[in-house]
């Protein structure tokens, strides 16, 4: 099956490469949320390196973004939203998936 990929969709391997090169920008929003939610910045990096893209937001501005399901350093699931543009990952937010909002696979929103 030949499928056309949207040029604005992000690729997890490219995101991991930028992450391993430490090419990320921490937004004020994510730093605030990490503190509020008691999530360590190393958990965000681990999520990107261990995770998979579960939703794409190619029309986000100023850069296309996506939602990644990955793992914290301690093995707990984590959702991280990141944008990618200008040679950097733009770290937007991170949270532990709420079982009331997500199916048991933590990849599918309930009601969809």
Protein backbone atom coordinates (compact mmCIF):
# COMPACT_ATOMS: atom_id res chain seq x y z
CA UNK A 1 0.00 0.00 0.00
CA UNK A 2 1.53 3.30 -1.07
CA UNK A 3 0.59 6.18 1.15
CA UNK A 4 1.50 9.82 0.74
CA UNK A 5 3.08 11.26 3.86
CA UNK A 6 2.30 14.85 4.74
CA UNK A 7 5.58 16.76 4.59
CA UNK A 8 4.62 18.49 7.84
CA UNK A 9 4.20 15.23 9.76
CA UNK A 10 6.99 14.52 12.18
CA UNK A 11 9.14 11.40 12.21
CA UNK A 12 10.12 9.84 15.55
CA UNK A 13 13.63 8.97 14.33
CA UNK A 14 14.30 12.60 13.38
CA UNK A 15 12.96 13.72 16.76
CA UNK A 16 15.20 11.23 18.58
CA UNK A 17 18.22 12.44 16.62
CA UNK A 18 17.59 16.05 17.67
CA UNK A 19 16.99 14.91 21.24
CA UNK A 20 20.25 12.94 21.37
CA UNK A 21 22.04 16.02 20.02
CA UNK A 22 20.42 18.08 22.81
CA UNK A 23 18.81 20.39 20.28
CA UNK A 24 15.74 21.34 22.23
CA UNK A 25 14.09 24.52 23.42
CA UNK A 26 12.25 24.40 26.72
CA UNK A 27 9.18 26.63 26.58
CA UNK A 28 8.09 28.53 29.67
CA UNK A 29 4.86 26.53 29.55
CA UNK A 30 6.51 23.11 29.80
CA UNK A 31 8.84 24.23 32.57
CA UNK A 32 5.85 25.44 34.58
CA UNK A 33 3.88 22.24 33.92
CA UNK A 34 6.82 19.97 34.82
CA UNK A 35 7.12 21.71 38.17
CA UNK A 36 3.35 21.56 38.83
CA UNK A 37 3.13 17.90 37.83
CA UNK A 38 6.38 16.82 39.49
CA UNK A 39 7.85 15.54 36.23
CA UNK A 40 11.61 15.57 35.81
CA UNK A 41 13.09 17.01 32.59
CA UNK A 42 14.96 13.70 32.15
CA UNK A 43 11.53 12.02 31.92
CA UNK A 44 10.66 14.19 28.91
CA UNK A 45 13.89 13.21 27.17
CA UNK A 46 13.31 9.53 28.01
CA UNK A 47 9.75 9.78 26.65
CA UNK A 48 11.04 11.02 23.30
CA UNK A 49 13.77 8.40 23.12
CA UNK A 50 11.50 5.49 24.14
CA UNK A 51 8.20 6.61 22.70
CA UNK A 52 6.05 6.65 19.62
CA UNK A 53 4.07 9.39 17.95
CA UNK A 54 0.37 8.82 18.62
CA UNK A 55 -1.09 12.06 17.22
CA UNK A 56 0.20 14.50 14.61
CA UNK A 57 -0.63 18.22 14.51
CA UNK A 58 0.91 19.26 11.17
CA UNK A 59 -0.88 22.61 11.03
CA UNK A 60 0.32 23.84 14.45
CA UNK A 61 1.98 27.24 14.44
CA UNK A 62 4.80 28.18 14.39
CA UNK A 63 5.99 24.56 13.88
CA UNK A 64 4.28 21.21 13.25
CA UNK A 65 3.92 19.27 16.48
CA UNK A 66 2.94 15.85 17.75
CA UNK A 67 1.95 13.91 20.85
CA UNK A 68 4.36 11.19 21.95
CA UNK A 69 3.53 8.32 24.28
CA UNK A 70 6.68 7.15 25.99
CA UNK A 71 8.06 6.27 29.38
CA UNK A 72 9.45 8.20 32.31
CA UNK A 73 12.83 7.08 33.61
CA UNK A 74 11.00 4.94 36.20
CA UNK A 75 8.89 3.21 33.52
CA UNK A 76 5.63 5.13 34.07
CA UNK A 77 3.79 6.26 30.92
CA UNK A 78 4.14 9.89 29.87
CA UNK A 79 2.60 12.01 27.14
CA UNK A 80 4.78 14.77 25.71
CA UNK A 81 3.79 17.36 23.10
CA UNK A 82 6.67 18.68 21.02
CA UNK A 83 7.06 20.84 17.97
CA UNK A 84 9.89 20.62 15.50
CA UNK A 85 11.30 23.43 13.42
CA UNK A 86 14.39 25.52 12.72
CA UNK A 87 16.56 22.54 13.67
CA UNK A 88 15.19 22.22 17.20
CA UNK A 89 12.62 20.33 19.25
CA UNK A 90 10.24 22.77 20.92
CA UNK A 91 9.09 21.13 24.15
CA UNK A 92 5.52 22.28 24.75
CA UNK A 93 3.98 20.22 27.56
CA UNK A 94 4.12 16.87 29.33
CA UNK A 95 1.64 15.00 31.50
CA UNK A 96 0.79 11.58 32.81
CA UNK A 97 -2.13 10.21 30.77
CA UNK A 98 -5.43 10.26 32.65
CA UNK A 99 -7.21 6.86 32.39
CA UNK A 100 -10.55 8.73 32.34
CA UNK A 101 -9.52 10.42 29.08
CA UNK A 102 -7.54 7.63 27.38
CA UNK A 103 -8.28 4.03 26.45
CA UNK A 104 -6.19 1.36 28.17
CA UNK A 105 -3.58 1.53 25.37
CA UNK A 106 -2.99 5.20 26.33
CA UNK A 107 -2.87 5.94 22.59
CA UNK A 108 -6.57 6.41 21.87
CA UNK A 109 -8.67 9.19 23.34
CA UNK A 110 -11.94 7.98 24.81
CA UNK A 111 -14.96 8.85 22.72
CA UNK A 112 -13.11 8.71 19.40
